[in-house]
C-alpha atoms as a PDB file:
ATOM      1  CA  MET A   1     101.288 114.289  70.211  1.00  0.00           C
ATOM      2  CA  ASN A   2     104.862 113.044  70.335  1.00  0.00           C
ATOM      3  CA  LEU A   3     107.607 113.638  72.891  1.00  0.00           C
ATOM      4  CA  LYS A   4     108.979 116.647  71.010  1.00  0.00           C
ATOM      5  CA  GLN A   5     105.664 118.408  71.518  1.00  0.00           C
ATOM      6  CA  LEU A   6     105.593 117.783  75.258  1.00  0.00           C
ATOM      7  CA  ASN A   7     106.422 121.017  77.075  1.00  0.00           C
ATOM      8  CA  PHE A   8     108.202 119.987  80.281  1.00  0.00           C
ATOM      9  CA  HIS A   9     107.886 123.540  81.596  1.00  0.00           C
ATOM     10  CA  HIS A  10     104.096 123.177  81.475  1.00  0.00           C
ATOM     11  CA  LEU A  11     104.385 119.694  82.972  1.00  0.00           C
ATOM     12  CA  PHE A  12     106.424 121.099  85.868  1.00  0.00           C
ATOM     13  CA  TYR A  13     103.759 123.727  86.587  1.00  0.00           C
ATOM     14  CA  PHE A  14     101.051 121.062  86.492  1.00  0.00           C
ATOM     15  CA  TRP A  15     103.098 118.917  88.895  1.00  0.00           C
ATOM     16  CA  ARG A  16     103.438 121.723  91.439  1.00  0.00           C
ATOM     17  CA  VAL A  17      99.727 122.594  91.311  1.00  0.00           C
ATOM     18  CA  ALA A  18      98.781 118.908  91.678  1.00  0.00           C
ATOM     19  CA  LYS A  19     101.258 118.506  94.526  1.00  0.00           C
ATOM     20  CA  ILE A  20     100.102 121.579  96.428  1.00  0.00           C
ATOM     21  CA  GLY A  21      96.438 121.278  95.472  1.00  0.00           C
ATOM     22  CA  HIS A  22      95.965 125.039  95.277  1.00  0.00           C
ATOM     23  CA  LEU A  23      96.526 127.300  92.266  1.00  0.00           C
ATOM     24  CA  THR A  24      97.346 130.487  94.193  1.00  0.00           C
ATOM     25  CA  ARG A  25      99.888 128.861  96.517  1.00  0.00           C
ATOM     26  CA  ALA A  26     101.511 127.058  93.591  1.00  0.00           C
ATOM     27  CA  ALA A  27     101.779 130.346  91.670  1.00  0.00           C
ATOM     28  CA  GLU A  28     103.514 131.935  94.673  1.00  0.00           C
ATOM     29  CA  GLU A  29     105.957 129.040  94.887  1.00  0.00           C
ATOM     30  CA  VAL A  30     107.003 129.188  91.217  1.00  0.00           C
ATOM     31  CA  HIS A  31     106.994 133.018  91.207  1.00  0.00           C
ATOM     32  CA  THR A  32     104.394 133.593  88.515  1.00  0.00           C
ATOM     33  CA  SER A  33     100.843 134.913  88.373  1.00  0.00           C
ATOM     34  CA  GLN A  34      97.839 132.705  88.944  1.00  0.00           C
ATOM     35  CA  SER A  35      96.480 133.549  85.486  1.00  0.00           C
ATOM     36  CA  ALA A  36      99.789 132.679  83.768  1.00  0.00           C
ATOM     37  CA  LEU A  37      99.987 129.392  85.645  1.00  0.00           C
ATOM     38  CA  SER A  38      96.406 128.526  84.762  1.00  0.00           C
ATOM     39  CA  ALA A  39      97.007 129.372  81.081  1.00  0.00           C
ATOM     40  CA  GLN A  40     100.070 127.118  80.836  1.00  0.00           C
ATOM     41  CA  ILE A  41      98.252 124.185  82.417  1.00  0.00           C
ATOM     42  CA  LYS A  42      95.424 124.792  79.940  1.00  0.00           C
ATOM     43  CA  GLN A  43      97.952 124.538  77.096  1.00  0.00           C
ATOM     44  CA  LEU A  44      99.188 121.231  78.487  1.00  0.00           C
ATOM     45  CA  GLU A  45      95.605 119.935  78.609  1.00  0.00           C
ATOM     46  CA  GLU A  46      95.059 121.022  74.992  1.00  0.00           C
ATOM     47  CA  HIS A  47      98.228 119.220  73.852  1.00  0.00           C
ATOM     48  CA  LEU A  48      97.223 116.064  75.723  1.00  0.00           C
ATOM     49  CA  GLY A  49      93.598 116.303  74.598  1.00  0.00           C
ATOM     50  CA  LYS A  50      92.366 115.590  78.133  1.00  0.00           C
ATOM     51  CA  ASP A  51      91.317 117.574  81.194  1.00  0.00           C
ATOM     52  CA  LEU A  52      93.757 117.188  84.090  1.00  0.00           C
ATOM     53  CA  PHE A  53      91.778 118.990  86.794  1.00  0.00           C
ATOM     54  CA  VAL A  54      88.154 119.396  87.752  1.00  0.00           C
ATOM     55  CA  ARG A  55      86.992 122.140  90.118  1.00  0.00           C
ATOM     56  CA  GLU A  56      85.040 121.330  93.253  1.00  0.00           C
ATOM     57  CA  GLY A  57      84.244 124.647  94.875  1.00  0.00           C
ATOM     58  CA  LYS A  58      87.618 126.302  95.487  1.00  0.00           C
ATOM     59  CA  ARG A  59      89.485 123.011  95.267  1.00  0.00           C
ATOM     60  CA  LEU A  60      91.266 121.566  92.247  1.00  0.00           C
ATOM     61  CA  LEU A  61      90.881 117.813  91.986  1.00  0.00           C
ATOM     62  CA  LEU A  62      92.765 115.543  89.601  1.00  0.00           C
ATOM     63  CA  THR A  63      90.814 113.715  86.931  1.00  0.00           C
ATOM     64  CA  ALA A  64      91.696 110.085  86.160  1.00  0.00           C
ATOM     65  CA  THR A  65      94.000 111.348  83.397  1.00  0.00           C
ATOM     66  CA  GLY A  66      95.424 113.964  85.746  1.00  0.00           C
ATOM     67  CA  GLN A  67      96.263 111.276  88.303  1.00  0.00           C
ATOM     68  CA  LEU A  68      98.058 109.241  85.628  1.00  0.00           C
ATOM     69  CA  VAL A  69     100.040 112.251  84.419  1.00  0.00           C
ATOM     70  CA  PHE A  70     100.849 113.213  88.017  1.00  0.00           C
ATOM     71  CA  THR A  71     102.261 109.721  88.702  1.00  0.00           C
ATOM     72  CA  TYR A  72     104.674 110.085  85.776  1.00  0.00           C
ATOM     73  CA  ALA A  73     105.492 113.708  86.673  1.00  0.00           C
ATOM     74  CA  GLU A  74     106.433 112.588  90.198  1.00  0.00           C
ATOM     75  CA  GLU A  75     108.888 110.110  88.710  1.00  0.00           C
ATOM     76  CA  ILE A  76     110.278 112.556  86.137  1.00  0.00           C
ATOM     77  CA  PHE A  77     110.919 115.433  88.529  1.00  0.00           C
ATOM     78  CA  GLY A  78     111.926 113.127  91.374  1.00  0.00           C
ATOM     79  CA  LEU A  79     114.650 111.716  89.135  1.00  0.00           C
ATOM     80  CA  GLY A  80     115.617 115.272  88.217  1.00  0.00           C
ATOM     81  CA  GLN A  81     116.060 116.131  91.897  1.00  0.00           C
ATOM     82  CA  GLU A  82     118.104 112.958  92.409  1.00  0.00           C
ATOM     83  CA  MET A  83     120.307 113.823  89.428  1.00  0.00           C
ATOM     84  CA  LEU A  84     121.037 117.342  90.720  1.00  0.00           C
ATOM     85  CA  GLY A  85     121.888 116.036  94.172  1.00  0.00           C
ATOM     86  CA  ARG A  86     124.189 113.383  92.768  1.00  0.00           C
ATOM     87  CA  LEU A  87     125.907 115.856  90.431  1.00  0.00           C
ATOM     88  CA  GLN A  88     126.549 118.336  93.229  1.00  0.00           C
ATOM     89  CA  VAL A  89     128.253 115.784  95.462  1.00  0.00           C
ATOM     90  CA  HIS A  90     129.942 114.013  92.532  1.00  0.00           C
ATOM     91  CA  SER A  91     131.594 117.293  91.500  1.00  0.00           C
ATOM     92  CA  GLU A  92     133.196 117.364  94.950  1.00  0.00           C
ATOM     93  CA  GLY A  93     134.517 113.808  94.542  1.00  0.00           C
ATOM     94  CA  MET A  94     132.103 112.487  97.174  1.00  0.00           C
ATOM     95  CA  ILE A  95     129.182 110.042  97.287  1.00  0.00           C
ATOM     96  CA  ARG A  96     125.965 111.062  99.033  1.00  0.00           C
ATOM     97  CA  VAL A  97     123.891 108.439 100.864  1.00  0.00           C
ATOM     98  CA  ARG A  98     120.478 109.636 102.062  1.00  0.00           C
ATOM     99  CA  VAL A  99     118.932 107.566 104.850  1.00  0.00           C
ATOM    100  CA  GLY A 100     115.479 108.017 106.345  1.00  0.00           C
ATOM    101  CA  SER A 101     114.499 106.401 109.641  1.00  0.00           C
ATOM    102  CA  VAL A 102     111.079 106.196 111.271  1.00  0.00           C
ATOM    103  CA  SER A 103     110.882 108.072 114.567  1.00  0.00           C
ATOM    104  CA  THR A 104     109.953 104.896 116.458  1.00  0.00           C
ATOM    105  CA  LEU A 105     113.197 103.183 115.403  1.00  0.00           C
ATOM    106  CA  SER A 106     116.152 103.086 117.802  1.00  0.00           C
ATOM    107  CA  ARG A 107     118.825 105.638 116.896  1.00  0.00           C
ATOM    108  CA  ASN A 108     121.397 103.185 118.237  1.00  0.00           C
ATOM    109  CA  TYR A 109     120.184 100.612 115.721  1.00  0.00           C
ATOM    110  CA  GLN A 110     120.412 103.171 112.939  1.00  0.00           C
ATOM    111  CA  GLU A 111     123.929 104.176 113.975  1.00  0.00           C
ATOM    112  CA  ASN A 112     125.048 100.544 114.194  1.00  0.00           C
ATOM    113  CA  TRP A 113     123.685  99.907 110.704  1.00  0.00           C
ATOM    114  CA  ILE A 114     125.380 102.912 109.071  1.00  0.00           C
ATOM    115  CA  ARG A 115     128.632 102.526 111.046  1.00  0.00           C
ATOM    116  CA  PRO A 116     130.644 101.326 107.992  1.00  0.00           C
ATOM    117  CA  LEU A 117     129.644 104.543 106.208  1.00  0.00           C
ATOM    118  CA  LEU A 118     130.872 106.670 109.117  1.00  0.00           C
ATOM    119  CA  ALA A 119     134.392 105.368 108.505  1.00  0.00           C
ATOM    120  CA  ASP A 120     134.253 106.017 104.748  1.00  0.00           C
ATOM    121  CA  GLU A 121     135.820 109.385 103.972  1.00  0.00           C
ATOM    122  CA  SER A 122     134.267 109.468 100.496  1.00  0.00           C
ATOM    123  CA  VAL A 123     130.679 109.391 101.816  1.00  0.00           C
ATOM    124  CA  VAL A 124     128.447 112.338 102.697  1.00  0.00           C
ATOM    125  CA  LEU A 125     125.516 111.179 104.838  1.00  0.00           C
ATOM    126  CA  THR A 126     122.058 112.730 104.971  1.00  0.00           C
ATOM    127  CA  LEU A 127     119.995 111.380 107.883  1.00  0.00           C
ATOM    128  CA  GLU A 128     116.303 112.155 108.344  1.00  0.00           C
ATOM    129  CA  SER A 129     113.619 110.893 110.696  1.00  0.00           C
ATOM    130  CA  GLY A 130     109.846 111.136 110.580  1.00  0.00           C
ATOM    131  CA  LEU A 131     106.623 109.247 110.085  1.00  0.00           C
ATOM    132  CA  LEU A 132     106.777 106.257 107.756  1.00  0.00           C
ATOM    133  CA  GLU A 133     104.360 107.551 105.098  1.00  0.00           C
ATOM    134  CA  GLY A 134     106.192 110.866 104.791  1.00  0.00           C
ATOM    135  CA  LEU A 135     109.528 109.088 104.441  1.00  0.00           C
ATOM    136  CA  LEU A 136     108.130 106.716 101.818  1.00  0.00           C
ATOM    137  CA  GLU A 137     106.842 109.675  99.829  1.00  0.00           C
ATOM    138  CA  ARG A 138     110.323 111.208  99.851  1.00  0.00           C
ATOM    139  CA  LEU A 139     111.780 107.836  98.880  1.00  0.00           C
ATOM    140  CA  LEU A 140     109.421 107.564  95.901  1.00  0.00           C
ATOM    141  CA  GLN A 141     110.386 111.110  94.890  1.00  0.00           C
ATOM    142  CA  HIS A 142     114.054 110.018  94.941  1.00  0.00           C
ATOM    143  CA  GLU A 143     114.818 112.422  97.789  1.00  0.00           C
ATOM    144  CA  LEU A 144     115.967 109.487  99.947  1.00  0.00           C
ATOM    145  CA  ASP A 145     117.935 106.378  98.975  1.00  0.00           C
ATOM    146  CA  ILE A 146     116.673 104.092 101.722  1.00  0.00           C
ATOM    147  CA  VAL A 147     114.231 104.075 104.640  1.00  0.00           C
ATOM    148  CA  LEU A 148     114.864 102.085 107.813  1.00  0.00           C
ATOM    149  CA  ALA A 149     111.670 100.951 109.530  1.00  0.00           C
ATOM    150  CA  ASN A 150     110.364  98.548 112.145  1.00  0.00           C
ATOM    151  CA  GLU A 151     107.433  97.388 110.039  1.00  0.00           C
ATOM    152  CA  SER A 152     107.198  95.910 106.571  1.00  0.00           C
ATOM    153  CA  VAL A 153     105.600  97.752 103.670  1.00  0.00           C
ATOM    154  CA  PRO A 154     103.870  95.970 100.782  1.00  0.00           C
ATOM    155  CA  ALA A 155     104.617  97.039  97.211  1.00  0.00           C
ATOM    156  CA  ARG A 156     101.782  98.172  94.964  1.00  0.00           C
ATOM    157  CA  SER A 157     101.612  98.781  91.232  1.00  0.00           C
ATOM    158  CA  ASN A 158     101.715 102.540  91.782  1.00  0.00           C
ATOM    159  CA  ARG A 159     104.288 102.303  94.576  1.00  0.00           C
ATOM    160  CA  PRO A 160     107.338 100.249  93.507  1.00  0.00           C
ATOM    161  CA  LEU A 161     108.953  99.480  96.846  1.00  0.00           C
ATOM    162  CA  HIS A 162     111.341  96.715  97.849  1.00  0.00           C
ATOM    163  CA  CYS A 163     111.173  95.784 101.548  1.00  0.00           C
ATOM    164  CA  ARG A 164     114.152  93.788 102.839  1.00  0.00           C
ATOM    165  CA  PHE A 165     114.200  92.111 106.278  1.00  0.00           C
ATOM    166  CA  LEU A 166     117.344  93.129 108.199  1.00  0.00           C
ATOM    167  CA  GLY A 167     116.900  91.245 111.470  1.00  0.00           C
ATOM    168  CA  SER A 168     115.059  91.245 114.773  1.00  0.00           C
ATOM    169  CA  GLN A 169     115.707  91.636 118.476  1.00  0.00           C
ATOM    170  CA  THR A 170     114.018  90.328 121.609  1.00  0.00           C
ATOM    171  CA  ILE A 171     112.257  92.928 123.748  1.00  0.00           C
ATOM    172  CA  SER A 172     113.545  93.414 127.285  1.00  0.00           C
ATOM    173  CA  LEU A 173     112.383  94.986 130.500  1.00  0.00           C
ATOM    174  CA  VAL A 174     115.160  97.212 131.882  1.00  0.00           C
ATOM    175  CA  GLY A 175     115.511  99.166 135.094  1.00  0.00           C
ATOM    176  CA  PRO A 176     118.020 101.267 137.035  1.00  0.00           C
ATOM    177  CA  ALA A 177     120.856  99.176 138.476  1.00  0.00           C
ATOM    178  CA  SER A 178     120.566 101.028 141.796  1.00  0.00           C
ATOM    179  CA  ILE A 179     117.204  99.317 142.347  1.00  0.00           C
ATOM    180  CA  TRP A 180     117.152  96.205 140.166  1.00  0.00           C
ATOM    181  CA  LYS A 181     120.697  94.850 140.137  1.00  0.00           C
ATOM    182  CA  ASN A 182     120.683  91.067 140.809  1.00  0.00           C
ATOM    183  CA  ARG A 183     116.876  91.049 140.737  1.00  0.00           C
ATOM    184  CA  SER A 184     114.538  89.667 138.109  1.00  0.00           C
ATOM    185  CA  LEU A 185     110.832  89.501 137.393  1.00  0.00           C
ATOM    186  CA  ARG A 186     108.606  86.928 135.782  1.00  0.00           C
ATOM    187  CA  ILE A 187     107.049  88.602 132.767  1.00  0.00           C
ATOM    188  CA  PRO A 188     104.231  89.378 132.596  1.00  0.00           C
ATOM    189  CA  GLU A 189     103.116  87.689 135.849  1.00  0.00           C
ATOM    190  CA  ASP A 190     105.027  90.054 138.199  1.00  0.00           C
ATOM    191  CA  LEU A 191     104.167  93.331 136.443  1.00  0.00           C
ATOM    192  CA  ASP A 192     100.868  94.037 138.208  1.00  0.00           C
ATOM    193  CA  GLY A 193     101.065  97.549 139.730  1.00  0.00           C
ATOM    194  CA  ILE A 194     104.699  98.087 138.648  1.00  0.00           C
ATOM    195  CA  ASP A 195     105.632 101.607 137.421  1.00  0.00           C
ATOM    196  CA  ILE A 196     106.454 101.231 133.756  1.00  0.00           C
ATOM    197  CA  ALA A 197     107.318 103.243 130.631  1.00  0.00           C
ATOM    198  CA  LEU A 198     106.189 101.859 127.285  1.00  0.00           C
ATOM    199  CA  PRO A 199     106.541 102.562 123.564  1.00  0.00           C
ATOM    200  CA  GLY A 200     103.702 104.766 122.304  1.00  0.00           C
ATOM    201  CA  PRO A 201     100.412 103.437 120.902  1.00  0.00           C
ATOM    202  CA  ARG A 202     101.675 103.707 117.299  1.00  0.00           C
ATOM    203  CA  HIS A 203     104.539 101.312 117.976  1.00  0.00           C
ATOM    204  CA  ALA A 204     103.907  97.721 116.860  1.00  0.00           C
ATOM    205  CA  LEU A 205     105.373  96.403 120.129  1.00  0.00           C
ATOM    206  CA  ARG A 206     102.832  98.272 122.224  1.00  0.00           C
ATOM    207  CA  VAL A 207      99.875  96.322 120.885  1.00  0.00           C
ATOM    208  CA  GLN A 208     101.685  93.045 121.505  1.00  0.00           C
ATOM    209  CA  PHE A 209     102.696  94.010 125.050  1.00  0.00           C
ATOM    210  CA  ASP A 210      99.205  95.187 125.992  1.00  0.00           C
ATOM    211  CA  ALA A 211      97.732  91.927 124.680  1.00  0.00           C
ATOM    212  CA  LEU A 212     100.264  89.929 126.708  1.00  0.00           C
ATOM    213  CA  CYS A 213      99.273  91.708 129.929  1.00  0.00           C
ATOM    214  CA  ILE A 214      95.545  91.315 129.233  1.00  0.00           C
ATOM    215  CA  ARG A 215      95.935  87.560 128.694  1.00  0.00           C
ATOM    216  CA  ALA A 216      97.870  87.275 131.969  1.00  0.00           C
ATOM    217  CA  GLY A 217      95.337  89.413 133.856  1.00  0.00           C
ATOM    218  CA  VAL A 218      97.965  91.924 135.034  1.00  0.00           C
ATOM    219  CA  LYS A 219      97.882  95.709 134.884  1.00  0.00           C
ATOM    220  CA  PRO A 220     101.189  97.610 135.184  1.00  0.00           C
ATOM    221  CA  ARG A 221     101.022 101.240 136.330  1.00  0.00           C
ATOM    222  CA  LEU A 222     101.653 103.220 133.156  1.00  0.00           C
ATOM    223  CA  ARG A 223     103.924 106.209 133.849  1.00  0.00           C
ATOM    224  CA  ALA A 224     104.962 107.194 130.309  1.00  0.00           C
ATOM    225  CA  GLU A 225     104.273 106.215 126.706  1.00  0.00           C
ATOM    226  CA  VAL A 226     106.855 107.437 124.222  1.00  0.00           C
ATOM    227  CA  ASP A 227     106.920 107.113 120.425  1.00  0.00           C
ATOM    228  CA  ASP A 228     110.483 108.354 119.981  1.00  0.00           C
ATOM    229  CA  MET A 229     113.064 105.731 120.949  1.00  0.00           C
ATOM    230  CA  ALA A 230     115.698 108.360 121.781  1.00  0.00           C
ATOM    231  CA  MET A 231     113.336 109.860 124.356  1.00  0.00           C
ATOM    232  CA  LEU A 232     112.363 106.427 125.682  1.00  0.00           C
ATOM    233  CA  ARG A 233     116.072 105.789 126.227  1.00  0.00           C
ATOM    234  CA  LEU A 234     116.319 108.975 128.338  1.00  0.00           C
ATOM    235  CA  ILE A 235     113.244 107.945 130.335  1.00  0.00           C
ATOM    236  CA  ALA A 236     114.786 104.544 131.027  1.00  0.00           C
ATOM    237  CA  ARG A 237     118.063 106.148 132.069  1.00  0.00           C
ATOM    238  CA  ASP A 238     116.769 108.996 134.240  1.00  0.00           C
ATOM    239  CA  SER A 239     113.563 107.687 135.823  1.00  0.00           C
ATOM    240  CA  GLN A 240     113.147 105.043 138.486  1.00  0.00           C
ATOM    241  CA  TRP A 241     110.660 103.109 136.378  1.00  0.00           C
ATOM    242  CA  LEU A 242     110.977  99.921 134.419  1.00  0.00           C
ATOM    243  CA  THR A 243     110.976 100.329 130.643  1.00  0.00           C
ATOM    244  CA  VAL A 244     109.982  97.969 127.826  1.00  0.00           C
ATOM    245  CA  LEU A 245     112.241  98.277 124.777  1.00  0.00           C
ATOM    246  CA  PRO A 246     114.761  96.485 122.529  1.00  0.00           C
ATOM    247  CA  GLU A 247     118.185  96.187 124.180  1.00  0.00           C
ATOM    248  CA  VAL A 248     119.840  98.071 121.303  1.00  0.00           C
ATOM    249  CA  VAL A 249     118.080 101.257 122.439  1.00  0.00           C
ATOM    250  CA  VAL A 250     119.982 101.272 125.746  1.00  0.00           C
ATOM    251  CA  GLN A 251     123.095  99.347 124.704  1.00  0.00           C
ATOM    252  CA  ASP A 252     125.451 101.968 126.158  1.00  0.00           C
ATOM    253  CA  GLU A 253     123.641 102.098 129.507  1.00  0.00           C
ATOM    254  CA  LEU A 254     123.646  98.305 129.765  1.00  0.00           C
ATOM    255  CA  HIS A 255     127.354  98.262 128.945  1.00  0.00           C
ATOM    256  CA  ASN A 256     128.278 100.883 131.583  1.00  0.00           C
ATOM    257  CA  GLY A 257     126.040  99.244 134.192  1.00  0.00           C
ATOM    258  CA  SER A 258     123.634 102.106 134.845  1.00  0.00           C
ATOM    259  CA  LEU A 259     120.747  99.942 133.579  1.00  0.00           C
ATOM    260  CA  VAL A 260     120.189  96.216 133.965  1.00  0.00           C
ATOM    261  CA  ILE A 261     117.897  93.701 132.292  1.00  0.00           C
ATOM    262  CA  VAL A 262     115.144  92.713 134.694  1.00  0.00           C
ATOM    263  CA  GLY A 263     113.420  90.294 132.346  1.00  0.00           C
ATOM    264  CA  GLN A 264     112.870  89.451 128.702  1.00  0.00           C
ATOM    265  CA  LEU A 265     109.839  88.922 126.523  1.00  0.00           C
ATOM    266  CA  PRO A 266     111.027  86.370 123.939  1.00  0.00           C
ATOM    267  CA  GLU A 267     107.577  86.190 122.345  1.00  0.00           C
ATOM    268  CA  LEU A 268     107.885  89.890 121.469  1.00  0.00           C
ATOM    269  CA  GLN A 269     110.356  90.778 118.740  1.00  0.00           C
ATOM    270  CA  GLU A 270     111.103  94.105 117.097  1.00  0.00           C
ATOM    271  CA  GLN A 271     111.817  93.559 113.431  1.00  0.00           C
ATOM    272  CA  PHE A 272     113.937  95.842 111.259  1.00  0.00           C
ATOM    273  CA  TYR A 273     113.473  96.485 107.540  1.00  0.00           C
ATOM    274  CA  ALA A 274     115.231  98.398 104.780  1.00  0.00           C
ATOM    275  CA  ILE A 275     112.901  99.885 102.168  1.00  0.00           C
ATOM    276  CA  THR A 276     114.225 100.948  98.770  1.00  0.00           C
ATOM    277  CA  THR A 277     112.841 101.826  95.343  1.00  0.00           C
ATOM    278  CA  PRO A 278     114.294 101.278  91.866  1.00  0.00           C
ATOM    279  CA  SER A 279     116.907 103.900  91.003  1.00  0.00           C
ATOM    280  CA  LEU A 280     118.819 104.608  87.837  1.00  0.00           C
ATOM    281  CA  GLN A 281     121.942 105.270  89.896  1.00  0.00           C
ATOM    282  CA  ARG A 282     123.298 102.355  91.903  1.00  0.00           C
ATOM    283  CA  ILE A 283     125.045 103.118  95.191  1.00  0.00           C
ATOM    284  CA  PRO A 284     127.571 100.295  95.707  1.00  0.00           C
ATOM    285  CA  ARG A 285     128.277 101.162  99.359  1.00  0.00           C
ATOM    286  CA  LEU A 286     124.585 100.933 100.184  1.00  0.00           C
ATOM    287  CA  GLU A 287     124.256  97.634  98.338  1.00  0.00           C
ATOM    288  CA  VAL A 288     127.150  96.211 100.370  1.00  0.00           C
ATOM    289  CA  LEU A 289     125.327  97.131 103.597  1.00  0.00           C
ATOM    290  CA  LEU A 290     122.121  95.497 102.379  1.00  0.00           C
ATOM    291  CA  ALA A 291     123.923  92.366 101.204  1.00  0.00           C
ATOM    292  CA  GLY A 292     125.529  91.944 104.615  1.00  0.00           C
ATOM    293  CA  ALA A 293     122.354  92.542 106.625  1.00  0.00           C
END
């Protein structure tokens, strides 16, 4: 077949069924009957000369050909979604920049990074947070322009990602000034039995910190483990415990004197990355931010 024979309506239906993995739910989403949806996918298979799905009980699984077609359909309809979003904002004389940020990344760091965009009256910002894999999926579907993360992501042939290093920051131990002002601790030697709040187990820093304490033979008294940096900031501010985190997380509290640095862990660094994917539409303002990182 040639491109003129390719029915993009049928391809769209296939894409939704493959995405959802269930014929009935996909039919409900696109407001058609299950039999009509099944018939149109069958027509697509006949035009392509290949089966796209194989049934396993009640489940629909992609064949090797189906997986290949799905990869291209993701790109086609992802670009379509990007085009519609760009056209909507462009018609209003604005530029939309869509930024995803992993939930374990400091919101202060994110705000510092996008600060030039906040002063640009021609920019409409979309900010999302979530787990890295979910954000990367939205990035590959062209629903995000960039993802900010604290871990690098390798590119694969079926996942064209560009991971750019933005910088790093030393990890600090902070505490309430009412208790710890003008005091300091040797880290990790003096942490045995100390009440402490830590990043959650999914955070890259947690593994490094735990290993540091094990090597030193010390065992702090764990009082909280928090994945979300915004919540860890509140814990640091409102508890009486010491907290392990990058200084950027509590930059305001350090500036106003409510928190103080009790010690630093120079061997532990949080690293920051910007993850992008090839796009047909360049966003000059975003490229300026990346160039200056």
